[in-house]
C-alpha atoms as a PDB file:
ATOM      1  CA  MET A   1      38.260  16.880   9.370  1.00  0.00           C
ATOM      2  CA  SER A   2      39.615  13.790  11.102  1.00  0.00           C
ATOM      3  CA  VAL A   3      38.484  10.233  10.493  1.00  0.00           C
ATOM      4  CA  ARG A   4      37.004  10.227  14.003  1.00  0.00           C
ATOM      5  CA  ASN A   5      34.844  13.286  13.167  1.00  0.00           C
ATOM      6  CA  ASN A   6      33.729  11.690   9.889  1.00  0.00           C
ATOM      7  CA  LEU A   7      32.687   8.523  11.716  1.00  0.00           C
ATOM      8  CA  ALA A   8      30.844  10.580  14.335  1.00  0.00           C
ATOM      9  CA  SER A   9      28.941  12.361  11.539  1.00  0.00           C
ATOM     10  CA  ILE A  10      28.029   9.052   9.936  1.00  0.00           C
ATOM     11  CA  ASP A  11      26.904   7.646  13.307  1.00  0.00           C
ATOM     12  CA  SER A  12      24.760  10.736  13.902  1.00  0.00           C
ATOM     13  CA  PHE A  13      23.146  10.361  10.479  1.00  0.00           C
ATOM     14  CA  LEU A  14      22.445   6.660  10.987  1.00  0.00           C
ATOM     15  CA  ALA A  15      20.994   7.275  14.449  1.00  0.00           C
ATOM     16  CA  VAL A  16      18.260   9.510  13.052  1.00  0.00           C
ATOM     17  CA  LYS A  17      17.668   7.523   9.846  1.00  0.00           C
ATOM     18  CA  ARG A  18      14.190   5.974  10.023  1.00  0.00           C
ATOM     19  CA  LYS A  19      13.022   2.823   8.336  1.00  0.00           C
ATOM     20  CA  CYS A  20       9.639   2.328   6.725  1.00  0.00           C
ATOM     21  CA  ALA A  21       7.929  -0.920   5.673  1.00  0.00           C
ATOM     22  CA  PHE A  22       4.394  -2.240   6.021  1.00  0.00           C
ATOM     23  CA  SER A  23       2.349  -5.284   5.111  1.00  0.00           C
ATOM     24  CA  ALA A  24      -1.384  -5.524   5.724  1.00  0.00           C
ATOM     25  CA  SER A  25      -3.945  -8.195   4.885  1.00  0.00           C
ATOM     26  CA  ARG A  26      -7.704  -8.462   4.755  1.00  0.00           C
ATOM     27  CA  SER A  27      -9.671 -11.598   5.574  1.00  0.00           C
ATOM     28  CA  THR A  28     -13.189 -10.487   4.604  1.00  0.00           C
ATOM     29  CA  VAL A  29     -15.176  -9.799   1.444  1.00  0.00           C
ATOM     30  CA  LEU A  30     -15.655  -6.245   0.172  1.00  0.00           C
ATOM     31  CA  LEU A  31     -18.524  -5.654  -2.271  1.00  0.00           C
ATOM     32  CA  GLY A  32     -18.831  -2.616  -4.490  1.00  0.00           C
ATOM     33  CA  SER A  33     -21.266   0.238  -4.002  1.00  0.00           C
ATOM     34  CA  ALA A  34     -22.253   3.458  -5.758  1.00  0.00           C
ATOM     35  CA  THR A  35     -19.229   5.269  -4.268  1.00  0.00           C
ATOM     36  CA  PRO A  36     -15.516   4.369  -4.190  1.00  0.00           C
ATOM     37  CA  GLN A  37     -14.391   2.543  -1.042  1.00  0.00           C
ATOM     38  CA  ILE A  38     -10.942   2.646   0.524  1.00  0.00           C
ATOM     39  CA  ILE A  39      -9.899  -0.922   1.276  1.00  0.00           C
ATOM     40  CA  THR A  40      -9.228  -1.460   4.982  1.00  0.00           C
ATOM     41  CA  TYR A  41      -7.447  -4.364   6.637  1.00  0.00           C
ATOM     42  CA  ASP A  42      -7.798  -6.507   9.718  1.00  0.00           C
ATOM     43  CA  GLU A  43      -4.252  -7.807  10.079  1.00  0.00           C
ATOM     44  CA  LEU A  44      -0.999  -5.898  10.190  1.00  0.00           C
ATOM     45  CA  ASN A  45       1.892  -8.222   9.404  1.00  0.00           C
ATOM     46  CA  ALA A  46       4.562  -5.511   9.640  1.00  0.00           C
ATOM     47  CA  ASN A  47       4.576  -1.764  10.252  1.00  0.00           C
ATOM     48  CA  LYS A  48       8.147  -0.536  10.709  1.00  0.00           C
ATOM     49  CA  GLY A  49       7.935   3.223  11.156  1.00  0.00           C
ATOM     50  CA  LYS A  50       4.215   3.046  12.006  1.00  0.00           C
ATOM     51  CA  ASP A  51       3.225   5.035   8.889  1.00  0.00           C
ATOM     52  CA  PHE A  52       0.376   2.686   7.881  1.00  0.00           C
ATOM     53  CA  ASP A  53      -3.041   2.941   9.561  1.00  0.00           C
ATOM     54  CA  ILE A  54      -4.792  -0.422   9.374  1.00  0.00           C
ATOM     55  CA  SER A  55      -8.218   1.002  10.301  1.00  0.00           C
ATOM     56  CA  THR A  56      -8.265   3.616   7.510  1.00  0.00           C
ATOM     57  CA  GLY A  57      -6.177   1.638   4.993  1.00  0.00           C
ATOM     58  CA  VAL A  58      -4.013   4.709   4.358  1.00  0.00           C
ATOM     59  CA  PHE A  59      -0.213   5.009   4.313  1.00  0.00           C
ATOM     60  CA  LEU A  60       0.925   8.506   5.358  1.00  0.00           C
ATOM     61  CA  ALA A  61       4.522   9.223   4.359  1.00  0.00           C
ATOM     62  CA  GLU A  62       6.811  10.729   6.961  1.00  0.00           C
ATOM     63  CA  ILE A  63      10.017  10.074   4.999  1.00  0.00           C
ATOM     64  CA  PRO A  64      10.474  11.398   1.447  1.00  0.00           C
ATOM     65  CA  GLY A  65      11.963   9.029  -1.097  1.00  0.00           C
ATOM     66  CA  ILE A  66      11.423   6.224  -3.576  1.00  0.00           C
ATOM     67  CA  TYR A  67       8.965   3.594  -2.321  1.00  0.00           C
ATOM     68  CA  PHE A  68       7.918   0.208  -3.687  1.00  0.00           C
ATOM     69  CA  PHE A  69       4.236  -0.747  -3.320  1.00  0.00           C
ATOM     70  CA  SER A  70       2.530  -4.027  -4.224  1.00  0.00           C
ATOM     71  CA  PHE A  71      -0.914  -5.485  -3.765  1.00  0.00           C
ATOM     72  CA  ASN A  72      -2.717  -8.774  -4.375  1.00  0.00           C
ATOM     73  CA  LEU A  73      -6.440  -9.343  -4.833  1.00  0.00           C
ATOM     74  CA  ARG A  74      -8.804 -12.233  -5.427  1.00  0.00           C
ATOM     75  CA  SER A  75     -12.041 -11.807  -7.353  1.00  0.00           C
ATOM     76  CA  TYR A  76     -15.430 -12.440  -5.827  1.00  0.00           C
ATOM     77  CA  ASP A  77     -17.378 -14.974  -7.934  1.00  0.00           C
ATOM     78  CA  ASP A  78     -19.297 -13.380 -10.817  1.00  0.00           C
ATOM     79  CA  ARG A  79     -18.093  -9.864  -9.927  1.00  0.00           C
ATOM     80  CA  TYR A  80     -15.548  -7.563 -11.502  1.00  0.00           C
ATOM     81  CA  ILE A  81     -12.357  -6.372  -9.871  1.00  0.00           C
ATOM     82  CA  GLY A  82     -11.771  -2.655 -10.223  1.00  0.00           C
ATOM     83  CA  VAL A  83      -9.090  -1.530  -7.752  1.00  0.00           C
ATOM     84  CA  THR A  84      -6.708   1.409  -8.019  1.00  0.00           C
ATOM     85  CA  LEU A  85      -3.643   2.395  -6.039  1.00  0.00           C
ATOM     86  CA  MET A  86      -4.162   6.050  -5.194  1.00  0.00           C
ATOM     87  CA  LYS A  87      -1.623   8.737  -4.313  1.00  0.00           C
ATOM     88  CA  ASN A  88      -3.240  11.936  -3.029  1.00  0.00           C
ATOM     89  CA  ASP A  89      -6.471  11.349  -5.004  1.00  0.00           C
ATOM     90  CA  GLU A  90      -4.598  10.476  -8.218  1.00  0.00           C
ATOM     91  CA  THR A  91      -4.691   6.977  -9.736  1.00  0.00           C
ATOM     92  CA  MET A  92      -1.187   5.503 -10.074  1.00  0.00           C
ATOM     93  CA  VAL A  93      -1.928   1.910 -11.198  1.00  0.00           C
ATOM     94  CA  ALA A  94      -4.992  -0.323 -11.362  1.00  0.00           C
ATOM     95  CA  ILE A  95      -6.182  -3.904 -11.551  1.00  0.00           C
ATOM     96  CA  THR A  96      -9.310  -4.769 -13.503  1.00  0.00           C
ATOM     97  CA  THR A  97     -10.865  -8.111 -14.405  1.00  0.00           C
ATOM     98  CA  ASP A  98     -14.040  -9.274 -16.062  1.00  0.00           C
ATOM     99  CA  ALA A  99     -16.707 -10.988 -14.013  1.00  0.00           C
ATOM    100  CA  SER A 100     -16.059 -14.726 -13.883  1.00  0.00           C
ATOM    101  CA  ASP A 101     -17.064 -17.788 -11.939  1.00  0.00           C
ATOM    102  CA  ARG A 102     -13.342 -18.661 -11.766  1.00  0.00           C
ATOM    103  CA  LYS A 103     -11.231 -17.611  -8.792  1.00  0.00           C
ATOM    104  CA  VAL A 104      -9.060 -14.876 -10.344  1.00  0.00           C
ATOM    105  CA  VAL A 105      -6.004 -13.658  -8.417  1.00  0.00           C
ATOM    106  CA  GLN A 106      -4.245 -10.508  -9.621  1.00  0.00           C
ATOM    107  CA  SER A 107      -1.221  -8.571  -8.430  1.00  0.00           C
ATOM    108  CA  GLN A 108       0.255  -5.169  -9.240  1.00  0.00           C
ATOM    109  CA  SER A 109       3.311  -3.196  -8.170  1.00  0.00           C
ATOM    110  CA  ILE A 110       4.869   0.220  -8.676  1.00  0.00           C
ATOM    111  CA  MET A 111       7.767   2.385  -7.499  1.00  0.00           C
ATOM    112  CA  LEU A 112       6.803   5.961  -6.627  1.00  0.00           C
ATOM    113  CA  GLN A 113       8.509   9.163  -5.580  1.00  0.00           C
ATOM    114  CA  VAL A 114       6.774  10.063  -2.319  1.00  0.00           C
ATOM    115  CA  GLU A 115       7.012  13.289  -0.330  1.00  0.00           C
ATOM    116  CA  ILE A 116       6.295  13.963   3.342  1.00  0.00           C
ATOM    117  CA  GLY A 117       2.518  14.054   3.846  1.00  0.00           C
ATOM    118  CA  ASP A 118       1.636  12.055   0.722  1.00  0.00           C
ATOM    119  CA  LYS A 119      -1.147   9.511   1.221  1.00  0.00           C
ATOM    120  CA  ILE A 120      -1.262   6.127  -0.523  1.00  0.00           C
ATOM    121  CA  TRP A 121      -4.177   3.683  -0.436  1.00  0.00           C
ATOM    122  CA  LEU A 122      -6.094   1.051  -2.398  1.00  0.00           C
ATOM    123  CA  GLN A 123      -9.588   1.874  -3.569  1.00  0.00           C
ATOM    124  CA  LEU A 124     -12.403  -0.337  -4.852  1.00  0.00           C
ATOM    125  CA  GLY A 125     -14.134   1.434  -7.711  1.00  0.00           C
ATOM    126  CA  PRO A 126     -17.681   2.805  -7.562  1.00  0.00           C
ATOM    127  CA  HIS A 127     -19.867   0.062  -8.998  1.00  0.00           C
ATOM    128  CA  PRO A 128     -22.194  -2.458  -7.353  1.00  0.00           C
ATOM    129  CA  GLU A 129     -20.846  -5.257  -9.588  1.00  0.00           C
ATOM    130  CA  PHE A 130     -17.294  -4.898  -8.223  1.00  0.00           C
ATOM    131  CA  GLY A 131     -16.103  -7.155  -5.435  1.00  0.00           C
ATOM    132  CA  ILE A 132     -13.012  -8.659  -3.849  1.00  0.00           C
ATOM    133  CA  TYR A 133     -12.935 -11.915  -1.945  1.00  0.00           C
ATOM    134  CA  SER A 134     -10.855 -12.950   1.028  1.00  0.00           C
ATOM    135  CA  ASN A 135     -11.015 -15.278   3.992  1.00  0.00           C
ATOM    136  CA  SER A 136      -8.604 -16.601   6.611  1.00  0.00           C
ATOM    137  CA  PHE A 137      -6.081 -17.260   3.805  1.00  0.00           C
ATOM    138  CA  ASN A 138      -5.730 -13.461   3.345  1.00  0.00           C
ATOM    139  CA  TYR A 139      -6.028 -13.199  -0.453  1.00  0.00           C
ATOM    140  CA  VAL A 140      -6.080  -9.395  -0.191  1.00  0.00           C
ATOM    141  CA  THR A 141      -2.723  -7.848   0.757  1.00  0.00           C
ATOM    142  CA  PHE A 142      -1.106  -4.404   0.524  1.00  0.00           C
ATOM    143  CA  ASN A 143       2.631  -3.879   1.017  1.00  0.00           C
ATOM    144  CA  GLY A 144       5.043  -0.982   0.828  1.00  0.00           C
ATOM    145  CA  PHE A 145       8.573  -0.098   1.782  1.00  0.00           C
ATOM    146  CA  LEU A 146      11.097   2.674   1.430  1.00  0.00           C
ATOM    147  CA  LEU A 147      13.851   1.897  -1.069  1.00  0.00           C
ATOM    148  CA  TYR A 148      15.813   5.161  -1.069  1.00  0.00           C
ATOM    149  CA  PRO A 149      15.213   8.077   1.291  1.00  0.00           C
ATOM    150  CA  ASN A 150      15.943  11.527  -0.097  1.00  0.00           C
ATOM    151  CA  PHE A 151      16.078  14.225   2.508  1.00  0.00           C
ATOM    152  CA  ILE A 152      18.057  16.483   0.161  1.00  0.00           C
ATOM    153  CA  LYS A 153      16.534  17.434  -3.179  1.00  0.00           C
END
């Protein structure tokens, strides 16, 4: 195979290679209830690949690979934080805090192997004493991006 053919193959591969990155933020309070609640967002800071749905709060993978996810939360005064990062109804990581009158800010991150069709979201646990606080400073954020695609297993 000639160098020209090799370069054409590389160009063809790069032309179809998709990118994926999102960053969403929430500017309102979310208080706990008797059932788990998926955290939704009101601002989309980035959505390369358009795999994140701001209204449902769910990332739906269209590219298999290794992804990095991170999230930041601020406690609501005198309430607990109990938030999990979910992948297809399975808890991957969590943030928990005790109730406090202090403003507690927590962050968490994880790298995950993700397949086409996998769903990733943040979920406030099922308890009326849970709560997360945000305002126009966007203390609640959720971010994710593709590190390494793997189309071949």
